[in-house]
N, C-alpha and C. Protein backbone atom coordinates (compact mmCIF):
# COMPACT_ATOMS: atom_id res chain seq x y z
N MET A 1 64.34 18.70 -11.99
CA MET A 1 65.36 17.46 -11.62
C MET A 1 65.65 16.64 -12.10
N LYS A 2 65.43 16.64 -13.52
CA LYS A 2 65.85 15.53 -14.58
C LYS A 2 67.24 15.26 -14.54
N ASN A 3 68.23 14.29 -14.40
CA ASN A 3 69.21 13.98 -14.39
C ASN A 3 70.04 14.78 -13.49
N SER A 4 69.42 15.29 -12.71
CA SER A 4 70.57 16.13 -11.33
C SER A 4 70.87 15.15 -10.47
N PRO A 5 71.60 15.46 -9.65
CA PRO A 5 71.91 14.58 -8.26
C PRO A 5 70.91 14.31 -7.48
N GLU A 6 69.90 15.42 -7.43
CA GLU A 6 68.58 14.93 -6.46
C GLU A 6 67.75 13.61 -6.75
N THR A 7 67.93 13.25 -8.49
CA THR A 7 67.28 11.79 -8.65
C THR A 7 67.84 10.85 -8.14
N LEU A 8 68.85 10.70 -6.97
CA LEU A 8 69.24 9.80 -6.71
C LEU A 8 69.02 9.72 -5.05
N TRP A 9 68.64 10.54 -4.62
CA TRP A 9 68.02 10.97 -3.22
C TRP A 9 66.86 9.62 -2.99
N LEU A 10 66.96 9.08 -1.69
CA LEU A 10 66.44 8.19 -1.22
C LEU A 10 64.96 8.51 -1.31
N GLU A 11 64.65 9.51 -0.83
CA GLU A 11 63.08 10.34 -0.92
C GLU A 11 62.47 10.50 -2.60
N ASN A 12 63.11 10.59 -3.64
CA ASN A 12 62.50 10.29 -4.75
C ASN A 12 62.74 9.01 -5.52
N GLN A 13 63.03 7.85 -4.90
CA GLN A 13 63.28 6.39 -5.27
C GLN A 13 61.56 5.60 -5.30
N ILE A 14 60.97 5.39 -6.73
CA ILE A 14 59.95 4.76 -5.90
C ILE A 14 60.05 3.23 -5.54
N CYS A 15 61.19 2.83 -5.40
CA CYS A 15 61.59 1.30 -5.24
C CYS A 15 61.75 1.45 -3.52
N PHE A 16 62.37 2.22 -3.25
CA PHE A 16 62.31 2.47 -1.56
C PHE A 16 60.89 2.56 -0.83
N PRO A 17 60.07 3.13 -1.04
CA PRO A 17 58.81 3.09 -0.25
C PRO A 17 57.91 1.49 -0.53
N LEU A 18 58.32 1.20 -1.80
CA LEU A 18 57.96 -0.05 -2.17
C LEU A 18 58.43 -1.25 -1.45
N TYR A 19 59.75 -1.42 -1.15
CA TYR A 19 60.59 -2.18 -0.62
C TYR A 19 60.00 -2.01 1.08
N ALA A 20 59.84 -1.10 1.31
CA ALA A 20 59.65 -0.65 3.20
C ALA A 20 58.63 -1.24 3.31
N VAL A 21 57.61 -0.64 2.81
CA VAL A 21 56.19 -1.09 3.05
C VAL A 21 56.03 -2.55 2.73
N SER A 22 56.90 -3.20 1.93
CA SER A 22 56.69 -5.07 1.27
C SER A 22 56.73 -5.54 2.98
N ARG A 23 58.27 -5.12 3.45
CA ARG A 23 59.09 -5.47 4.92
C ARG A 23 58.04 -5.28 6.19
N MET A 24 57.59 -4.12 6.26
CA MET A 24 56.27 -3.73 7.13
C MET A 24 55.13 -4.48 7.17
N VAL A 25 54.48 -4.72 6.12
CA VAL A 25 53.39 -5.76 5.76
C VAL A 25 53.82 -7.42 6.32
N THR A 26 55.31 -7.95 5.60
CA THR A 26 54.84 -8.84 6.03
C THR A 26 55.39 -9.04 7.27
N LYS A 27 56.19 -8.11 8.21
CA LYS A 27 55.93 -8.00 9.40
C LYS A 27 54.89 -8.38 10.22
N LEU A 28 53.82 -7.49 9.94
CA LEU A 28 52.11 -7.93 10.57
C LEU A 28 51.75 -8.77 10.33
N TYR A 29 51.96 -9.91 9.26
CA TYR A 29 51.49 -11.10 9.50
C TYR A 29 52.24 -12.03 10.16
N THR A 30 53.58 -11.76 10.70
CA THR A 30 54.30 -12.90 11.19
C THR A 30 53.69 -13.06 12.72
N PRO A 31 53.43 -12.40 13.71
CA PRO A 31 52.26 -13.13 14.70
C PRO A 31 51.25 -13.89 14.41
N LEU A 32 51.01 -13.49 13.33
CA LEU A 32 49.62 -14.53 13.02
C LEU A 32 49.72 -15.76 12.36
N LEU A 33 51.16 -15.68 11.53
CA LEU A 33 51.16 -17.01 10.95
C LEU A 33 52.16 -17.65 11.97
N GLU A 34 52.77 -17.20 13.27
CA GLU A 34 53.61 -18.05 14.29
C GLU A 34 52.27 -19.12 14.77
N LYS A 35 51.12 -18.31 14.83
CA LYS A 35 50.31 -19.54 15.66
C LYS A 35 49.51 -20.25 14.93
N LEU A 36 50.35 -20.45 13.45
CA LEU A 36 49.83 -21.48 12.31
C LEU A 36 51.12 -21.63 12.37
N ASP A 37 51.85 -21.72 12.93
CA ASP A 37 53.23 -22.30 12.59
C ASP A 37 53.58 -22.69 11.16
N ILE A 38 53.49 -21.68 10.62
CA ILE A 38 54.14 -21.46 8.98
C ILE A 38 54.48 -19.96 9.05
N THR A 39 55.31 -20.08 7.89
CA THR A 39 55.95 -18.89 7.17
C THR A 39 55.20 -18.25 6.61
N TYR A 40 55.59 -16.67 5.89
CA TYR A 40 54.89 -15.61 5.14
C TYR A 40 55.11 -16.57 3.70
N PRO A 41 56.34 -17.07 3.10
CA PRO A 41 56.31 -17.83 2.01
C PRO A 41 55.30 -19.11 2.24
N GLN A 42 55.11 -19.94 3.08
CA GLN A 42 54.41 -20.87 3.30
C GLN A 42 52.75 -20.59 2.93
N TYR A 43 52.56 -19.39 3.78
CA TYR A 43 50.96 -18.85 3.86
C TYR A 43 50.81 -18.15 2.07
N LEU A 44 51.70 -18.05 1.20
CA LEU A 44 51.22 -17.56 0.11
C LEU A 44 51.32 -18.97 -0.61
N VAL A 45 51.83 -20.05 -0.51
CA VAL A 45 51.41 -21.09 -1.05
C VAL A 45 50.21 -21.64 -0.57
N LEU A 46 50.00 -21.71 0.49
CA LEU A 46 48.75 -22.41 0.95
C LEU A 46 47.55 -21.17 -0.03
N LEU A 47 47.63 -20.16 0.37
CA LEU A 47 46.63 -19.32 -0.38
C LEU A 47 46.37 -19.72 -1.64
N VAL A 48 47.39 -20.28 -2.39
CA VAL A 48 46.96 -20.53 -4.05
C VAL A 48 46.09 -21.76 -4.03
N LEU A 49 46.53 -22.70 -2.78
CA LEU A 49 46.10 -23.93 -2.80
C LEU A 49 44.97 -23.99 -2.31
N TRP A 50 44.27 -23.07 -1.40
CA TRP A 50 42.81 -23.41 -0.68
C TRP A 50 42.27 -22.62 -1.58
N GLU A 51 42.55 -21.58 -2.95
CA GLU A 51 41.83 -21.43 -3.86
C GLU A 51 41.39 -22.54 -4.74
N LYS A 52 42.45 -23.11 -4.96
CA LYS A 52 42.42 -24.26 -6.43
C LYS A 52 43.24 -25.24 -5.79
N ASP A 53 42.89 -26.39 -4.95
CA ASP A 53 43.65 -27.90 -4.86
C ASP A 53 44.64 -28.00 -5.80
N GLU A 54 45.45 -29.03 -5.96
CA GLU A 54 46.33 -29.66 -7.02
C GLU A 54 46.46 -28.46 -8.24
N ARG A 55 47.71 -28.04 -7.75
CA ARG A 55 48.55 -27.22 -9.10
C ARG A 55 49.75 -27.79 -9.18
N SER A 56 50.73 -27.74 -10.21
CA SER A 56 51.73 -27.75 -11.00
C SER A 56 53.03 -26.94 -9.89
N VAL A 57 54.20 -27.53 -9.70
CA VAL A 57 54.78 -26.15 -9.42
C VAL A 57 54.90 -25.26 -10.17
N SER A 58 55.43 -25.33 -11.37
CA SER A 58 55.31 -24.47 -12.30
C SER A 58 54.18 -23.31 -12.15
N GLU A 59 52.89 -24.04 -11.99
CA GLU A 59 52.09 -22.68 -12.12
C GLU A 59 51.91 -22.10 -10.56
N ILE A 60 52.53 -22.66 -9.23
CA ILE A 60 52.49 -21.61 -8.53
C ILE A 60 53.71 -20.62 -8.50
N SER A 61 54.61 -21.32 -8.96
CA SER A 61 55.54 -20.61 -9.21
C SER A 61 55.53 -19.28 -10.03
N GLU A 62 54.48 -19.92 -11.22
CA GLU A 62 54.27 -18.49 -11.95
C GLU A 62 53.32 -17.25 -10.90
N LEU A 63 52.23 -18.11 -10.37
CA LEU A 63 51.12 -17.20 -9.64
C LEU A 63 51.81 -16.06 -8.43
N LEU A 64 52.92 -16.80 -7.95
CA LEU A 64 53.84 -16.10 -7.01
C LEU A 64 54.78 -15.23 -7.20
N HIS A 65 55.46 -15.51 -8.42
CA HIS A 65 56.62 -14.78 -9.01
C HIS A 65 57.70 -15.26 -7.98
N LEU A 66 57.61 -16.34 -8.17
CA LEU A 66 58.84 -16.97 -7.27
C LEU A 66 59.77 -17.84 -8.58
N GLU A 67 60.77 -18.19 -8.56
CA GLU A 67 61.37 -18.98 -9.64
C GLU A 67 61.34 -20.54 -8.78
N THR A 68 61.13 -21.58 -9.51
CA THR A 68 61.15 -23.23 -9.36
C THR A 68 62.20 -23.47 -8.28
N ASN A 69 63.59 -22.86 -8.30
CA ASN A 69 64.32 -23.34 -7.34
C ASN A 69 64.39 -22.79 -6.08
N THR A 70 63.72 -21.76 -5.93
CA THR A 70 63.59 -21.01 -4.92
C THR A 70 62.06 -21.75 -4.28
N LEU A 71 61.10 -22.24 -4.84
CA LEU A 71 59.80 -23.13 -4.34
C LEU A 71 60.12 -24.02 -3.94
N THR A 72 60.96 -25.00 -4.72
CA THR A 72 61.07 -26.30 -4.41
C THR A 72 61.45 -26.44 -3.07
N PRO A 73 62.46 -26.22 -2.48
CA PRO A 73 62.75 -26.19 -1.23
C PRO A 73 61.74 -25.76 -0.11
N LEU A 74 61.07 -24.66 -0.31
CA LEU A 74 59.89 -24.35 0.51
C LEU A 74 59.14 -25.15 0.61
N LEU A 75 58.63 -25.85 -0.68
CA LEU A 75 57.66 -26.78 -0.99
C LEU A 75 58.17 -28.40 0.09
N LYS A 76 59.27 -28.83 0.01
CA LYS A 76 60.29 -29.72 0.85
C LYS A 76 59.42 -29.37 2.23
N ARG A 77 59.92 -28.11 2.50
CA ARG A 77 59.91 -27.87 4.06
C ARG A 77 57.94 -28.12 4.18
N MET A 78 57.11 -27.82 3.40
CA MET A 78 55.76 -27.52 3.67
C MET A 78 55.55 -29.06 3.78
N GLU A 79 56.08 -30.05 3.16
CA GLU A 79 55.82 -31.23 2.80
C GLU A 79 56.17 -32.31 3.98
N SER A 80 57.52 -31.63 4.73
CA SER A 80 58.05 -32.53 5.61
C SER A 80 57.12 -32.18 7.07
N LYS A 81 56.31 -30.92 7.19
CA LYS A 81 55.35 -30.23 8.13
C LYS A 81 53.96 -31.31 7.75
N GLU A 82 53.70 -31.74 6.91
CA GLU A 82 52.88 -32.42 6.26
C GLU A 82 51.41 -31.57 6.28
N LEU A 83 51.87 -30.34 5.17
CA LEU A 83 50.94 -29.37 4.95
C LEU A 83 50.58 -29.74 3.52
N ILE A 84 51.60 -30.49 2.73
CA ILE A 84 51.20 -30.29 1.39
C ILE A 84 51.84 -31.87 0.95
N ARG A 85 51.11 -32.53 0.01
CA ARG A 85 51.63 -33.50 -0.60
C ARG A 85 52.39 -33.28 -2.26
N ARG A 86 53.69 -33.88 -2.22
CA ARG A 86 54.08 -33.39 -3.72
C ARG A 86 54.16 -34.76 -4.49
N GLN A 87 54.22 -35.13 -5.93
CA GLN A 87 53.65 -36.18 -6.53
C GLN A 87 53.94 -35.94 -8.03
N ARG A 88 54.83 -36.80 -8.44
CA ARG A 88 54.77 -36.50 -9.95
C ARG A 88 53.90 -37.01 -10.75
N SER A 89 53.47 -36.06 -11.69
CA SER A 89 52.33 -36.55 -12.83
C SER A 89 52.59 -38.08 -13.22
N LYS A 90 51.49 -38.47 -13.38
CA LYS A 90 51.63 -39.82 -14.29
C LYS A 90 51.56 -39.62 -15.43
N GLU A 91 51.07 -38.38 -16.38
CA GLU A 91 50.97 -38.12 -17.85
C GLU A 91 52.32 -37.61 -18.11
N ASP A 92 53.42 -36.87 -17.02
CA ASP A 92 54.45 -36.19 -17.30
C ASP A 92 55.23 -36.40 -16.11
N GLU A 93 56.32 -36.89 -16.24
CA GLU A 93 57.05 -37.16 -14.99
C GLU A 93 58.02 -36.12 -14.69
N ARG A 94 57.86 -35.19 -15.85
CA ARG A 94 58.80 -33.90 -15.31
C ARG A 94 57.76 -33.02 -14.66
N ARG A 95 56.36 -33.25 -14.56
CA ARG A 95 55.71 -32.29 -14.04
C ARG A 95 55.41 -32.95 -12.46
N VAL A 96 55.32 -31.96 -11.31
CA VAL A 96 55.24 -32.14 -10.05
C VAL A 96 53.90 -31.86 -9.83
N GLU A 97 52.92 -32.08 -9.15
CA GLU A 97 51.60 -31.67 -8.71
C GLU A 97 51.56 -31.52 -7.14
N ILE A 98 51.25 -30.69 -6.71
CA ILE A 98 51.07 -30.04 -5.38
C ILE A 98 49.79 -30.00 -4.99
N THR A 99 49.31 -30.92 -3.98
CA THR A 99 48.09 -30.80 -3.48
C THR A 99 48.02 -30.76 -1.74
N LEU A 100 47.09 -30.36 -1.39
CA LEU A 100 47.03 -29.83 0.70
C LEU A 100 46.64 -31.30 1.08
N ALA A 101 47.19 -31.70 1.88
CA ALA A 101 47.34 -32.20 2.74
C ALA A 101 46.41 -32.32 3.84
N SER A 102 45.82 -33.11 4.54
CA SER A 102 44.61 -32.91 5.66
C SER A 102 45.09 -31.64 6.75
N LYS A 103 46.67 -31.82 7.23
CA LYS A 103 46.71 -30.60 8.05
C LYS A 103 46.54 -28.77 7.33
N GLY A 104 47.21 -29.28 5.94
CA GLY A 104 47.31 -27.56 5.22
C GLY A 104 45.66 -27.46 5.09
N ARG A 105 44.70 -28.25 4.78
CA ARG A 105 43.49 -28.11 4.48
C ARG A 105 42.67 -27.61 5.95
N ALA A 106 43.35 -28.23 6.93
CA ALA A 106 42.60 -27.64 8.07
C ALA A 106 42.89 -26.50 8.51
N LEU A 107 43.90 -25.80 8.21
CA LEU A 107 44.51 -24.15 8.38
C LEU A 107 44.22 -23.57 7.90
N GLN A 108 42.98 -23.94 6.55
CA GLN A 108 42.53 -22.56 5.90
C GLN A 108 41.36 -22.28 6.94
N GLN A 109 40.57 -22.50 7.77
CA GLN A 109 39.77 -22.14 8.53
C GLN A 109 40.58 -20.95 9.71
N GLU A 110 41.54 -21.49 10.20
CA GLU A 110 42.20 -20.83 11.03
C GLU A 110 42.51 -19.71 10.89
N ALA A 111 42.75 -19.59 9.33
CA ALA A 111 43.45 -18.39 8.71
C ALA A 111 42.42 -17.28 8.11
N THR A 112 41.13 -17.99 8.07
CA THR A 112 40.35 -16.92 7.49
C THR A 112 40.28 -15.03 8.03
N CYS A 113 40.81 -15.07 9.66
CA CYS A 113 40.77 -13.98 9.95
C CYS A 113 41.93 -13.10 9.64
N ILE A 114 42.96 -13.64 8.91
CA ILE A 114 44.02 -13.02 8.87
C ILE A 114 43.95 -11.83 7.81
N PRO A 115 43.21 -12.09 7.05
CA PRO A 115 43.09 -10.58 5.52
C PRO A 115 42.23 -9.76 6.54
N GLU A 116 41.06 -9.68 7.27
CA GLU A 116 40.74 -8.81 7.81
C GLU A 116 41.63 -8.16 9.01
N THR A 117 42.14 -8.76 9.40
CA THR A 117 43.18 -8.66 10.75
C THR A 117 44.54 -7.54 10.24
N ILE A 118 44.66 -7.80 9.20
CA ILE A 118 45.91 -7.36 8.29
C ILE A 118 45.44 -6.00 7.69
N VAL A 119 44.17 -5.98 6.98
CA VAL A 119 43.10 -4.63 6.52
C VAL A 119 43.21 -3.84 7.51
N ASN A 120 42.47 -4.10 8.60
CA ASN A 120 41.98 -3.15 9.74
C ASN A 120 43.58 -2.38 10.33
N GLN A 121 44.57 -3.17 10.22
CA GLN A 121 45.96 -2.90 11.23
C GLN A 121 46.73 -1.61 9.97
N PHE A 122 45.81 -1.54 8.54
CA PHE A 122 46.40 -0.83 7.28
C PHE A 122 45.34 0.88 8.06
N GLN A 123 44.45 0.56 8.29
CA GLN A 123 43.80 1.59 8.42
C GLN A 123 43.73 2.74 9.67
N ASP A 124 43.60 4.05 9.11
CA ASP A 124 43.86 5.17 10.64
C ASP A 124 42.99 6.14 10.32
N ALA A 125 43.11 7.39 10.83
CA ALA A 125 42.29 8.30 10.20
C ALA A 125 42.61 8.93 9.19
N SER A 126 44.02 8.79 8.99
CA SER A 126 44.13 8.99 7.42
C SER A 126 44.10 8.62 6.03
N LEU A 127 43.68 6.96 6.16
CA LEU A 127 43.91 6.03 5.13
C LEU A 127 42.56 5.13 5.67
N GLY A 128 41.62 5.22 4.76
CA GLY A 128 40.03 4.29 4.95
C GLY A 128 40.16 2.79 4.17
N LEU A 129 39.42 2.34 4.18
CA LEU A 129 39.30 0.82 3.43
C LEU A 129 39.17 1.03 2.02
N GLU A 130 38.73 2.38 1.84
CA GLU A 130 38.65 2.28 0.04
C GLU A 130 40.10 2.77 -0.66
N GLU A 131 40.71 3.62 0.44
CA GLU A 131 42.17 3.72 -0.19
C GLU A 131 43.01 2.68 0.18
N VAL A 132 42.81 1.71 0.99
CA VAL A 132 43.61 0.53 1.17
C VAL A 132 43.24 -0.25 -0.25
N LEU A 133 41.88 -0.40 -0.64
CA LEU A 133 41.46 -1.35 -1.55
C LEU A 133 41.87 -0.73 -3.13
N GLN A 134 42.14 0.79 -3.08
CA GLN A 134 42.36 1.05 -4.15
C GLN A 134 43.90 1.04 -4.62
N LEU A 135 44.76 0.72 -3.28
CA LEU A 135 46.22 0.61 -3.15
C LEU A 135 46.39 -0.82 -3.81
N LYS A 136 45.65 -1.74 -3.50
CA LYS A 136 45.88 -2.97 -3.95
C LYS A 136 45.93 -3.01 -5.31
N GLN A 137 44.49 -2.49 -5.95
CA GLN A 137 44.02 -2.47 -7.25
C GLN A 137 45.51 -1.57 -8.12
N THR A 138 45.95 -0.87 -7.58
CA THR A 138 47.16 0.01 -7.94
C THR A 138 48.10 -0.78 -8.49
N LEU A 139 48.45 -1.26 -7.28
CA LEU A 139 49.31 -2.57 -6.85
C LEU A 139 49.41 -3.61 -8.08
N GLY A 140 48.31 -4.15 -8.02
CA GLY A 140 48.21 -5.21 -8.92
C GLY A 140 48.25 -4.88 -10.45
N THR A 141 47.99 -3.25 -10.69
CA THR A 141 47.86 -2.80 -12.10
C THR A 141 49.75 -2.89 -12.21
N LEU A 142 50.28 -2.60 -11.40
CA LEU A 142 51.62 -2.40 -11.44
C LEU A 142 52.35 -3.36 -11.74
N MET A 143 51.88 -4.75 -11.07
CA MET A 143 52.44 -5.97 -11.16
C MET A 143 52.21 -6.60 -12.53
N GLY A 144 50.91 -6.12 -13.03
CA GLY A 144 50.66 -6.63 -14.56
C GLY A 144 52.00 -6.02 -15.43
N VAL A 145 51.94 -4.53 -15.15
CA VAL A 145 52.77 -3.76 -16.17
C VAL A 145 54.49 -4.70 -16.11
N LEU A 146 54.52 -4.61 -15.22
CA LEU A 146 55.84 -5.09 -14.93
C LEU A 146 56.05 -6.56 -15.37
N LYS A 147 55.54 -7.43 -14.84
CA LYS A 147 55.11 -8.34 -15.87
C LYS A 147 55.36 -8.68 -17.08
N ASP A 148 54.64 -7.69 -17.94
CA ASP A 148 54.55 -7.91 -19.10
C ASP A 148 55.86 -7.27 -19.69
N SER A 149 56.59 -6.36 -19.32
CA SER A 149 57.67 -5.87 -19.37
C SER A 149 58.94 -6.83 -19.26
N ASP A 150 58.52 -8.25 -18.80
CA ASP A 150 59.72 -9.29 -18.59
C ASP A 150 60.86 -9.76 -19.86
């Protein structure tokens, strides 16, 4: 099959199932996040800050694999919703520090059920918890490989 027309068939692409599953998974999060009045990208920022409050924009950018010019408008919207605070570093004016506001901190308790709810939706008779966790590990490895090749 190498260098044949079949290599260009959709079913032979690794990118398509990754793309489709990513969209489907994000869609699973939507009703859960709507209850919290946040978007999926805002949820990702909050996850990073719930793990460790006070991070720089560049640190969040690196952790989420987002360019800072994509992240900045997102952070501004989150600040206007009073989920976070943005403040220039006193040591380095170029550095912007992001911290949780009380509203963003309070959402953490409401969001604790989300991961289990999502994992439970992944499982069925043909896919158990072990396979879901193995998939997560494999995807993490793939992210590392692709990041290293940047």
